[in-house]
């Protein structure tokens, strides 16, 4: 049986620079990465850093105009 796609918004293949770190480790330095695809409800990115499945991350990025329609601050 095929797996149903649960996405509710269109995803765009875009490389957007971003910074991230674990939510509960705000004193940890931020790591850098770039998105592989992005939507109004999420971002997919790859990193060389080991990130445990289910770990909540704090992510900083500037959402592209193609996603939100207007320029915004980070």
PDB file of N, CA and C in Angstrom:
ATOM      1  N   UNK A   1       0.845  -1.168   0.000  1.00  0.00           N
ATOM      2  CA  UNK A   1       0.000   0.000   0.000  1.00  0.00           C
ATOM      3  C   UNK A   1       0.899   1.242   0.000  1.00  0.00           C
ATOM      4  N   UNK A   2       0.629   2.237  -0.895  1.00  0.00           N
ATOM      5  CA  UNK A   2       1.466   3.425  -0.944  1.00  0.00           C
ATOM      6  C   UNK A   2       1.319   4.266   0.317  1.00  0.00           C
ATOM      7  N   UNK A   3       2.410   4.929   0.700  1.00  0.00           N
ATOM      8  CA  UNK A   3       2.403   5.810   1.863  1.00  0.00           C
ATOM      9  C   UNK A   3       1.769   7.131   1.457  1.00  0.00           C
ATOM     10  N   UNK A   4       0.830   7.631   2.261  1.00  0.00           N
ATOM     11  CA  UNK A   4       0.161   8.886   1.970  1.00  0.00           C
ATOM     12  C   UNK A   4       1.054  10.046   2.379  1.00  0.00           C
ATOM     13  N   UNK A   5       1.191  11.038   1.499  1.00  0.00           N
ATOM     14  CA  UNK A   5       1.969  12.235   1.804  1.00  0.00           C
ATOM     15  C   UNK A   5       1.137  13.125   2.724  1.00  0.00           C
ATOM     16  N   UNK A   6       1.661  13.441   3.908  1.00  0.00           N
ATOM     17  CA  UNK A   6       0.924  14.225   4.898  1.00  0.00           C
ATOM     18  C   UNK A   6       1.165  15.722   4.757  1.00  0.00           C
ATOM     19  N   UNK A   7       1.962  16.137   3.808  1.00  0.00           N
ATOM     20  CA  UNK A   7       2.261  17.554   3.654  1.00  0.00           C
ATOM     21  C   UNK A   7       1.007  18.330   3.275  1.00  0.00           C
ATOM     22  N   UNK A   8       0.870  19.494   3.900  1.00  0.00           N
ATOM     23  CA  UNK A   8      -0.297  20.325   3.619  1.00  0.00           C
ATOM     24  C   UNK A   8       0.066  21.575   2.829  1.00  0.00           C
ATOM     25  N   UNK A   9       1.350  21.787   2.579  1.00  0.00           N
ATOM     26  CA  UNK A   9       1.760  22.959   1.809  1.00  0.00           C
ATOM     27  C   UNK A   9       2.820  22.567   0.789  1.00  0.00           C
ATOM     28  N   UNK A  10       2.897  23.354  -0.262  1.00  0.00           N
ATOM     29  CA  UNK A  10       3.845  23.109  -1.347  1.00  0.00           C
ATOM     30  C   UNK A  10       5.277  23.313  -0.859  1.00  0.00           C
ATOM     31  N   UNK A  11       6.163  22.397  -1.223  1.00  0.00           N
ATOM     32  CA  UNK A  11       7.571  22.515  -0.858  1.00  0.00           C
ATOM     33  C   UNK A  11       8.353  22.963  -2.070  1.00  0.00           C
ATOM     34  N   UNK A  12       9.270  23.918  -1.852  1.00  0.00           N
ATOM     35  CA  UNK A  12      10.110  24.428  -2.918  1.00  0.00           C
ATOM     36  C   UNK A  12      11.538  23.956  -2.712  1.00  0.00           C
ATOM     37  N   UNK A  13      12.164  23.529  -3.776  1.00  0.00           N
ATOM     38  CA  UNK A  13      13.572  23.135  -3.694  1.00  0.00           C
ATOM     39  C   UNK A  13      14.385  24.417  -3.721  1.00  0.00           C
ATOM     40  N   UNK A  14      14.941  24.789  -2.560  1.00  0.00           N
ATOM     41  CA  UNK A  14      15.693  26.030  -2.422  1.00  0.00           C
ATOM     42  C   UNK A  14      16.828  25.834  -1.440  1.00  0.00           C
ATOM     43  N   UNK A  15      17.963  26.446  -1.731  1.00  0.00           N
ATOM     44  CA  UNK A  15      19.097  26.434  -0.819  1.00  0.00           C
ATOM     45  C   UNK A  15      19.109  27.759  -0.062  1.00  0.00           C
ATOM     46  N   UNK A  16      18.684  27.710   1.200  1.00  0.00           N
ATOM     47  CA  UNK A  16      18.611  28.897   2.055  1.00  0.00           C
ATOM     48  C   UNK A  16      19.560  28.684   3.231  1.00  0.00           C
ATOM     49  N   UNK A  17      20.518  29.608   3.470  1.00  0.00           N
ATOM     50  CA  UNK A  17      21.411  29.454   4.619  1.00  0.00           C
ATOM     51  C   UNK A  17      20.624  29.499   5.927  1.00  0.00           C
ATOM     52  N   UNK A  18      21.075  28.701   6.900  1.00  0.00           N
ATOM     53  CA  UNK A  18      20.407  28.694   8.205  1.00  0.00           C
ATOM     54  C   UNK A  18      21.402  28.357   9.304  1.00  0.00           C
ATOM     55  N   UNK A  19      20.974  28.635  10.549  1.00  0.00           N
ATOM     56  CA  UNK A  19      21.738  28.271  11.744  1.00  0.00           C
ATOM     57  C   UNK A  19      20.815  27.462  12.643  1.00  0.00           C
ATOM     58  N   UNK A  20      21.384  26.504  13.383  1.00  0.00           N
ATOM     59  CA  UNK A  20      20.547  25.686  14.270  1.00  0.00           C
ATOM     60  C   UNK A  20      21.340  25.222  15.479  1.00  0.00           C
ATOM     61  N   UNK A  21      20.587  24.833  16.516  1.00  0.00           N
ATOM     62  CA  UNK A  21      21.150  24.203  17.725  1.00  0.00           C
ATOM     63  C   UNK A  21      20.010  23.551  18.481  1.00  0.00           C
ATOM     64  N   UNK A  22      20.330  22.609  19.371  1.00  0.00           N
ATOM     65  CA  UNK A  22      19.274  21.962  20.161  1.00  0.00           C
ATOM     66  C   UNK A  22      18.522  22.981  21.022  1.00  0.00           C
ATOM     67  N   UNK A  23      17.204  22.825  21.141  1.00  0.00           N
ATOM     68  CA  UNK A  23      16.371  23.750  21.927  1.00  0.00           C
ATOM     69  C   UNK A  23      16.821  23.850  23.378  1.00  0.00           C
ATOM     70  N   UNK A  24      17.199  22.712  23.958  1.00  0.00           N
ATOM     71  CA  UNK A  24      17.549  22.709  25.385  1.00  0.00           C
ATOM     72  C   UNK A  24      19.017  23.020  25.641  1.00  0.00           C
ATOM     73  N   UNK A  25      19.747  23.393  24.605  1.00  0.00           N
ATOM     74  CA  UNK A  25      21.175  23.695  24.764  1.00  0.00           C
ATOM     75  C   UNK A  25      21.468  25.071  24.188  1.00  0.00           C
ATOM     76  N   UNK A  26      20.769  26.087  24.703  1.00  0.00           N
ATOM     77  CA  UNK A  26      20.907  27.429  24.151  1.00  0.00           C
ATOM     78  C   UNK A  26      22.291  28.026  24.365  1.00  0.00           C
ATOM     79  N   UNK A  27      23.085  27.430  25.262  1.00  0.00           N
ATOM     80  CA  UNK A  27      24.454  27.913  25.450  1.00  0.00           C
ATOM     81  C   UNK A  27      25.415  27.262  24.444  1.00  0.00           C
ATOM     82  N   UNK A  28      24.950  26.240  23.738  1.00  0.00           N
ATOM     83  CA  UNK A  28      25.774  25.588  22.712  1.00  0.00           C
ATOM     84  C   UNK A  28      25.911  26.507  21.511  1.00  0.00           C
ATOM     85  N   UNK A  29      27.067  26.449  20.833  1.00  0.00           N
ATOM     86  CA  UNK A  29      27.214  27.280  19.634  1.00  0.00           C
ATOM     87  C   UNK A  29      26.278  26.804  18.523  1.00  0.00           C
ATOM     88  N   UNK A  30      25.830  27.743  17.718  1.00  0.00           N
ATOM     89  CA  UNK A  30      24.974  27.386  16.588  1.00  0.00           C
ATOM     90  C   UNK A  30      25.804  26.737  15.490  1.00  0.00           C
ATOM     91  N   UNK A  31      25.214  25.793  14.797  1.00  0.00           N
ATOM     92  CA  UNK A  31      25.828  25.157  13.636  1.00  0.00           C
ATOM     93  C   UNK A  31      25.225  25.796  12.393  1.00  0.00           C
ATOM     94  N   UNK A  32      25.925  25.731  11.281  1.00  0.00           N
ATOM     95  CA  UNK A  32      25.393  26.283  10.040  1.00  0.00           C
ATOM     96  C   UNK A  32      25.051  25.158   9.074  1.00  0.00           C
ATOM     97  N   UNK A  33      24.096  25.431   8.213  1.00  0.00           N
ATOM     98  CA  UNK A  33      23.665  24.471   7.197  1.00  0.00           C
ATOM     99  C   UNK A  33      22.931  25.256   6.122  1.00  0.00           C
ATOM    100  N   UNK A  34      22.352  24.543   5.176  1.00  0.00           N
ATOM    101  CA  UNK A  34      21.519  25.158   4.146  1.00  0.00           C
ATOM    102  C   UNK A  34      20.341  24.238   3.871  1.00  0.00           C
ATOM    103  N   UNK A  35      19.200  24.836   3.601  1.00  0.00           N
ATOM    104  CA  UNK A  35      18.009  24.033   3.325  1.00  0.00           C
ATOM    105  C   UNK A  35      18.164  23.304   1.998  1.00  0.00           C
ATOM    106  N   UNK A  36      17.451  22.199   1.894  1.00  0.00           N
ATOM    107  CA  UNK A  36      17.366  21.464   0.629  1.00  0.00           C
ATOM    108  C   UNK A  36      15.995  21.694   0.011  1.00  0.00           C
ATOM    109  N   UNK A  37      14.958  21.768   0.867  1.00  0.00           N
ATOM    110  CA  UNK A  37      13.640  22.208   0.428  1.00  0.00           C
ATOM    111  C   UNK A  37      12.954  22.869   1.617  1.00  0.00           C
ATOM    112  N   UNK A  38      11.965  23.699   1.298  1.00  0.00           N
ATOM    113  CA  UNK A  38      11.371  24.542   2.333  1.00  0.00           C
ATOM    114  C   UNK A  38       9.912  24.815   1.994  1.00  0.00           C
ATOM    115  N   UNK A  39       9.087  25.001   3.031  1.00  0.00           N
ATOM    116  CA  UNK A  39       7.676  25.359   2.847  1.00  0.00           C
ATOM    117  C   UNK A  39       7.272  26.272   3.992  1.00  0.00           C
ATOM    118  N   UNK A  40       6.007  26.673   4.009  1.00  0.00           N
ATOM    119  CA  UNK A  40       5.521  27.508   5.108  1.00  0.00           C
ATOM    120  C   UNK A  40       5.444  26.732   6.420  1.00  0.00           C
ATOM    121  N   UNK A  41       5.477  25.395   6.365  1.00  0.00           N
ATOM    122  CA  UNK A  41       5.351  24.582   7.573  1.00  0.00           C
ATOM    123  C   UNK A  41       6.602  23.808   7.958  1.00  0.00           C
ATOM    124  N   UNK A  42       7.689  23.973   7.207  1.00  0.00           N
ATOM    125  CA  UNK A  42       8.877  23.223   7.580  1.00  0.00           C
ATOM    126  C   UNK A  42      10.029  23.424   6.626  1.00  0.00           C
ATOM    127  N   UNK A  43      11.175  22.926   7.073  1.00  0.00           N
ATOM    128  CA  UNK A  43      12.387  23.012   6.270  1.00  0.00           C
ATOM    129  C   UNK A  43      13.143  21.689   6.391  1.00  0.00           C
ATOM    130  N   UNK A  44      13.674  21.210   5.278  1.00  0.00           N
ATOM    131  CA  UNK A  44      14.496  20.008   5.270  1.00  0.00           C
ATOM    132  C   UNK A  44      15.915  20.448   4.975  1.00  0.00           C
ATOM    133  N   UNK A  45      16.854  20.061   5.852  1.00  0.00           N
ATOM    134  CA  UNK A  45      18.249  20.406   5.612  1.00  0.00           C
ATOM    135  C   UNK A  45      19.148  19.246   6.010  1.00  0.00           C
ATOM    136  N   UNK A  46      20.329  19.219   5.430  1.00  0.00           N
ATOM    137  CA  UNK A  46      21.322  18.192   5.743  1.00  0.00           C
ATOM    138  C   UNK A  46      22.479  18.857   6.480  1.00  0.00           C
ATOM    139  N   UNK A  47      23.119  18.089   7.349  1.00  0.00           N
ATOM    140  CA  UNK A  47      24.245  18.605   8.124  1.00  0.00           C
ATOM    141  C   UNK A  47      25.245  17.485   8.382  1.00  0.00           C
ATOM    142  N   UNK A  48      26.460  17.867   8.598  1.00  0.00           N
ATOM    143  CA  UNK A  48      27.494  16.893   8.976  1.00  0.00           C
ATOM    144  C   UNK A  48      27.390  16.538  10.462  1.00  0.00           C
ATOM    145  N   UNK A  49      26.671  17.363  11.237  1.00  0.00           N
ATOM    146  CA  UNK A  49      26.526  17.149  12.672  1.00  0.00           C
ATOM    147  C   UNK A  49      25.567  15.996  12.950  1.00  0.00           C
ATOM    148  N   UNK A  50      25.853  15.219  13.966  1.00  0.00           N
ATOM    149  CA  UNK A  50      24.952  14.146  14.364  1.00  0.00           C
ATOM    150  C   UNK A  50      23.781  14.760  15.135  1.00  0.00           C
ATOM    151  N   UNK A  51      22.570  14.509  14.652  1.00  0.00           N
ATOM    152  CA  UNK A  51      21.357  15.018  15.289  1.00  0.00           C
ATOM    153  C   UNK A  51      20.455  13.821  15.567  1.00  0.00           C
ATOM    154  N   UNK A  52      20.128  13.612  16.821  1.00  0.00           N
ATOM    155  CA  UNK A  52      19.286  12.479  17.210  1.00  0.00           C
ATOM    156  C   UNK A  52      17.866  12.644  16.689  1.00  0.00           C
ATOM    157  N   UNK A  53      17.263  11.535  16.277  1.00  0.00           N
ATOM    158  CA  UNK A  53      15.877  11.545  15.818  1.00  0.00           C
ATOM    159  C   UNK A  53      14.978  12.062  16.935  1.00  0.00           C
ATOM    160  N   UNK A  54      14.091  12.983  16.597  1.00  0.00           N
ATOM    161  CA  UNK A  54      13.154  13.525  17.566  1.00  0.00           C
ATOM    162  C   UNK A  54      13.668  14.710  18.363  1.00  0.00           C
ATOM    163  N   UNK A  55      14.949  15.065  18.216  1.00  0.00           N
ATOM    164  CA  UNK A  55      15.521  16.197  18.951  1.00  0.00           C
ATOM    165  C   UNK A  55      14.907  17.491  18.444  1.00  0.00           C
ATOM    166  N   UNK A  56      14.408  18.316  19.355  1.00  0.00           N
ATOM    167  CA  UNK A  56      13.853  19.614  18.971  1.00  0.00           C
ATOM    168  C   UNK A  56      14.988  20.590  18.720  1.00  0.00           C
ATOM    169  N   UNK A  57      14.915  21.290  17.594  1.00  0.00           N
ATOM    170  CA  UNK A  57      15.956  22.230  17.212  1.00  0.00           C
ATOM    171  C   UNK A  57      15.414  23.646  17.145  1.00  0.00           C
ATOM    172  N   UNK A  58      16.275  24.585  17.492  1.00  0.00           N
ATOM    173  CA  UNK A  58      16.007  25.999  17.271  1.00  0.00           C
ATOM    174  C   UNK A  58      16.670  26.327  15.931  1.00  0.00           C
ATOM    175  N   UNK A  59      15.899  26.841  14.976  1.00  0.00           N
ATOM    176  CA  UNK A  59      16.416  27.114  13.635  1.00  0.00           C
ATOM    177  C   UNK A  59      16.193  28.583  13.304  1.00  0.00           C
ATOM    178  N   UNK A  60      17.241  29.244  12.814  1.00  0.00           N
ATOM    179  CA  UNK A  60      17.157  30.643  12.391  1.00  0.00           C
ATOM    180  C   UNK A  60      17.435  30.702  10.897  1.00  0.00           C
ATOM    181  N   UNK A  61      16.504  31.310  10.168  1.00  0.00           N
ATOM    182  CA  UNK A  61      16.694  31.511   8.734  1.00  0.00           C
ATOM    183  C   UNK A  61      15.805  32.651   8.272  1.00  0.00           C
ATOM    184  N   UNK A  62      16.110  33.187   7.115  1.00  0.00           N
ATOM    185  CA  UNK A  62      15.265  34.211   6.508  1.00  0.00           C
ATOM    186  C   UNK A  62      14.384  33.510   5.487  1.00  0.00           C
ATOM    187  N   UNK A  63      13.076  33.512   5.738  1.00  0.00           N
ATOM    188  CA  UNK A  63      12.154  32.846   4.827  1.00  0.00           C
ATOM    189  C   UNK A  63      12.156  33.571   3.485  1.00  0.00           C
ATOM    190  N   UNK A  64      12.306  32.830   2.408  1.00  0.00           N
ATOM    191  CA  UNK A  64      12.323  33.452   1.087  1.00  0.00           C
ATOM    192  C   UNK A  64      10.976  34.057   0.694  1.00  0.00           C
ATOM    193  N   UNK A  65      11.038  35.079  -0.113  1.00  0.00           N
ATOM    194  CA  UNK A  65       9.836  35.756  -0.595  1.00  0.00           C
ATOM    195  C   UNK A  65       8.888  34.769  -1.285  1.00  0.00           C
ATOM    196  N   UNK A  66       9.430  33.764  -1.968  1.00  0.00           N
ATOM    197  CA  UNK A  66       8.598  32.784  -2.664  1.00  0.00           C
ATOM    198  C   UNK A  66       7.705  31.996  -1.723  1.00  0.00           C
ATOM    199  N   UNK A  67       8.084  31.913  -0.457  1.00  0.00           N
ATOM    200  CA  UNK A  67       7.303  31.176   0.537  1.00  0.00           C
ATOM    201  C   UNK A  67       6.266  32.073   1.197  1.00  0.00           C
ATOM    202  N   UNK A  68       6.685  33.258   1.653  1.00  0.00           N
ATOM    203  CA  UNK A  68       5.773  34.092   2.453  1.00  0.00           C
ATOM    204  C   UNK A  68       5.205  35.290   1.720  1.00  0.00           C
ATOM    205  N   UNK A  69       5.764  35.638   0.562  1.00  0.00           N
ATOM    206  CA  UNK A  69       5.208  36.728  -0.210  1.00  0.00           C
ATOM    207  C   UNK A  69       5.823  38.094   0.032  1.00  0.00           C
ATOM    208  N   UNK A  70       6.491  38.317   1.154  1.00  0.00           N
ATOM    209  CA  UNK A  70       7.116  39.606   1.477  1.00  0.00           C
ATOM    210  C   UNK A  70       8.487  39.377   2.074  1.00  0.00           C
ATOM    211  N   UNK A  71       9.341  40.397   2.032  1.00  0.00           N
ATOM    212  CA  UNK A  71      10.636  40.331   2.710  1.00  0.00           C
ATOM    213  C   UNK A  71      10.412  40.460   4.210  1.00  0.00           C
ATOM    214  N   UNK A  72      11.144  39.661   4.990  1.00  0.00           N
ATOM    215  CA  UNK A  72      11.065  39.746   6.447  1.00  0.00           C
ATOM    216  C   UNK A  72      12.462  39.669   7.026  1.00  0.00           C
ATOM    217  N   UNK A  73      12.584  40.106   8.265  1.00  0.00           N
ATOM    218  CA  UNK A  73      13.836  39.991   9.001  1.00  0.00           C
ATOM    219  C   UNK A  73      14.015  38.548   9.449  1.00  0.00           C
ATOM    220  N   UNK A  74      15.248  38.157   9.783  1.00  0.00           N
ATOM    221  CA  UNK A  74      15.515  36.812  10.305  1.00  0.00           C
ATOM    222  C   UNK A  74      14.839  36.621  11.632  1.00  0.00           C
TER     223      UNK A  74
END
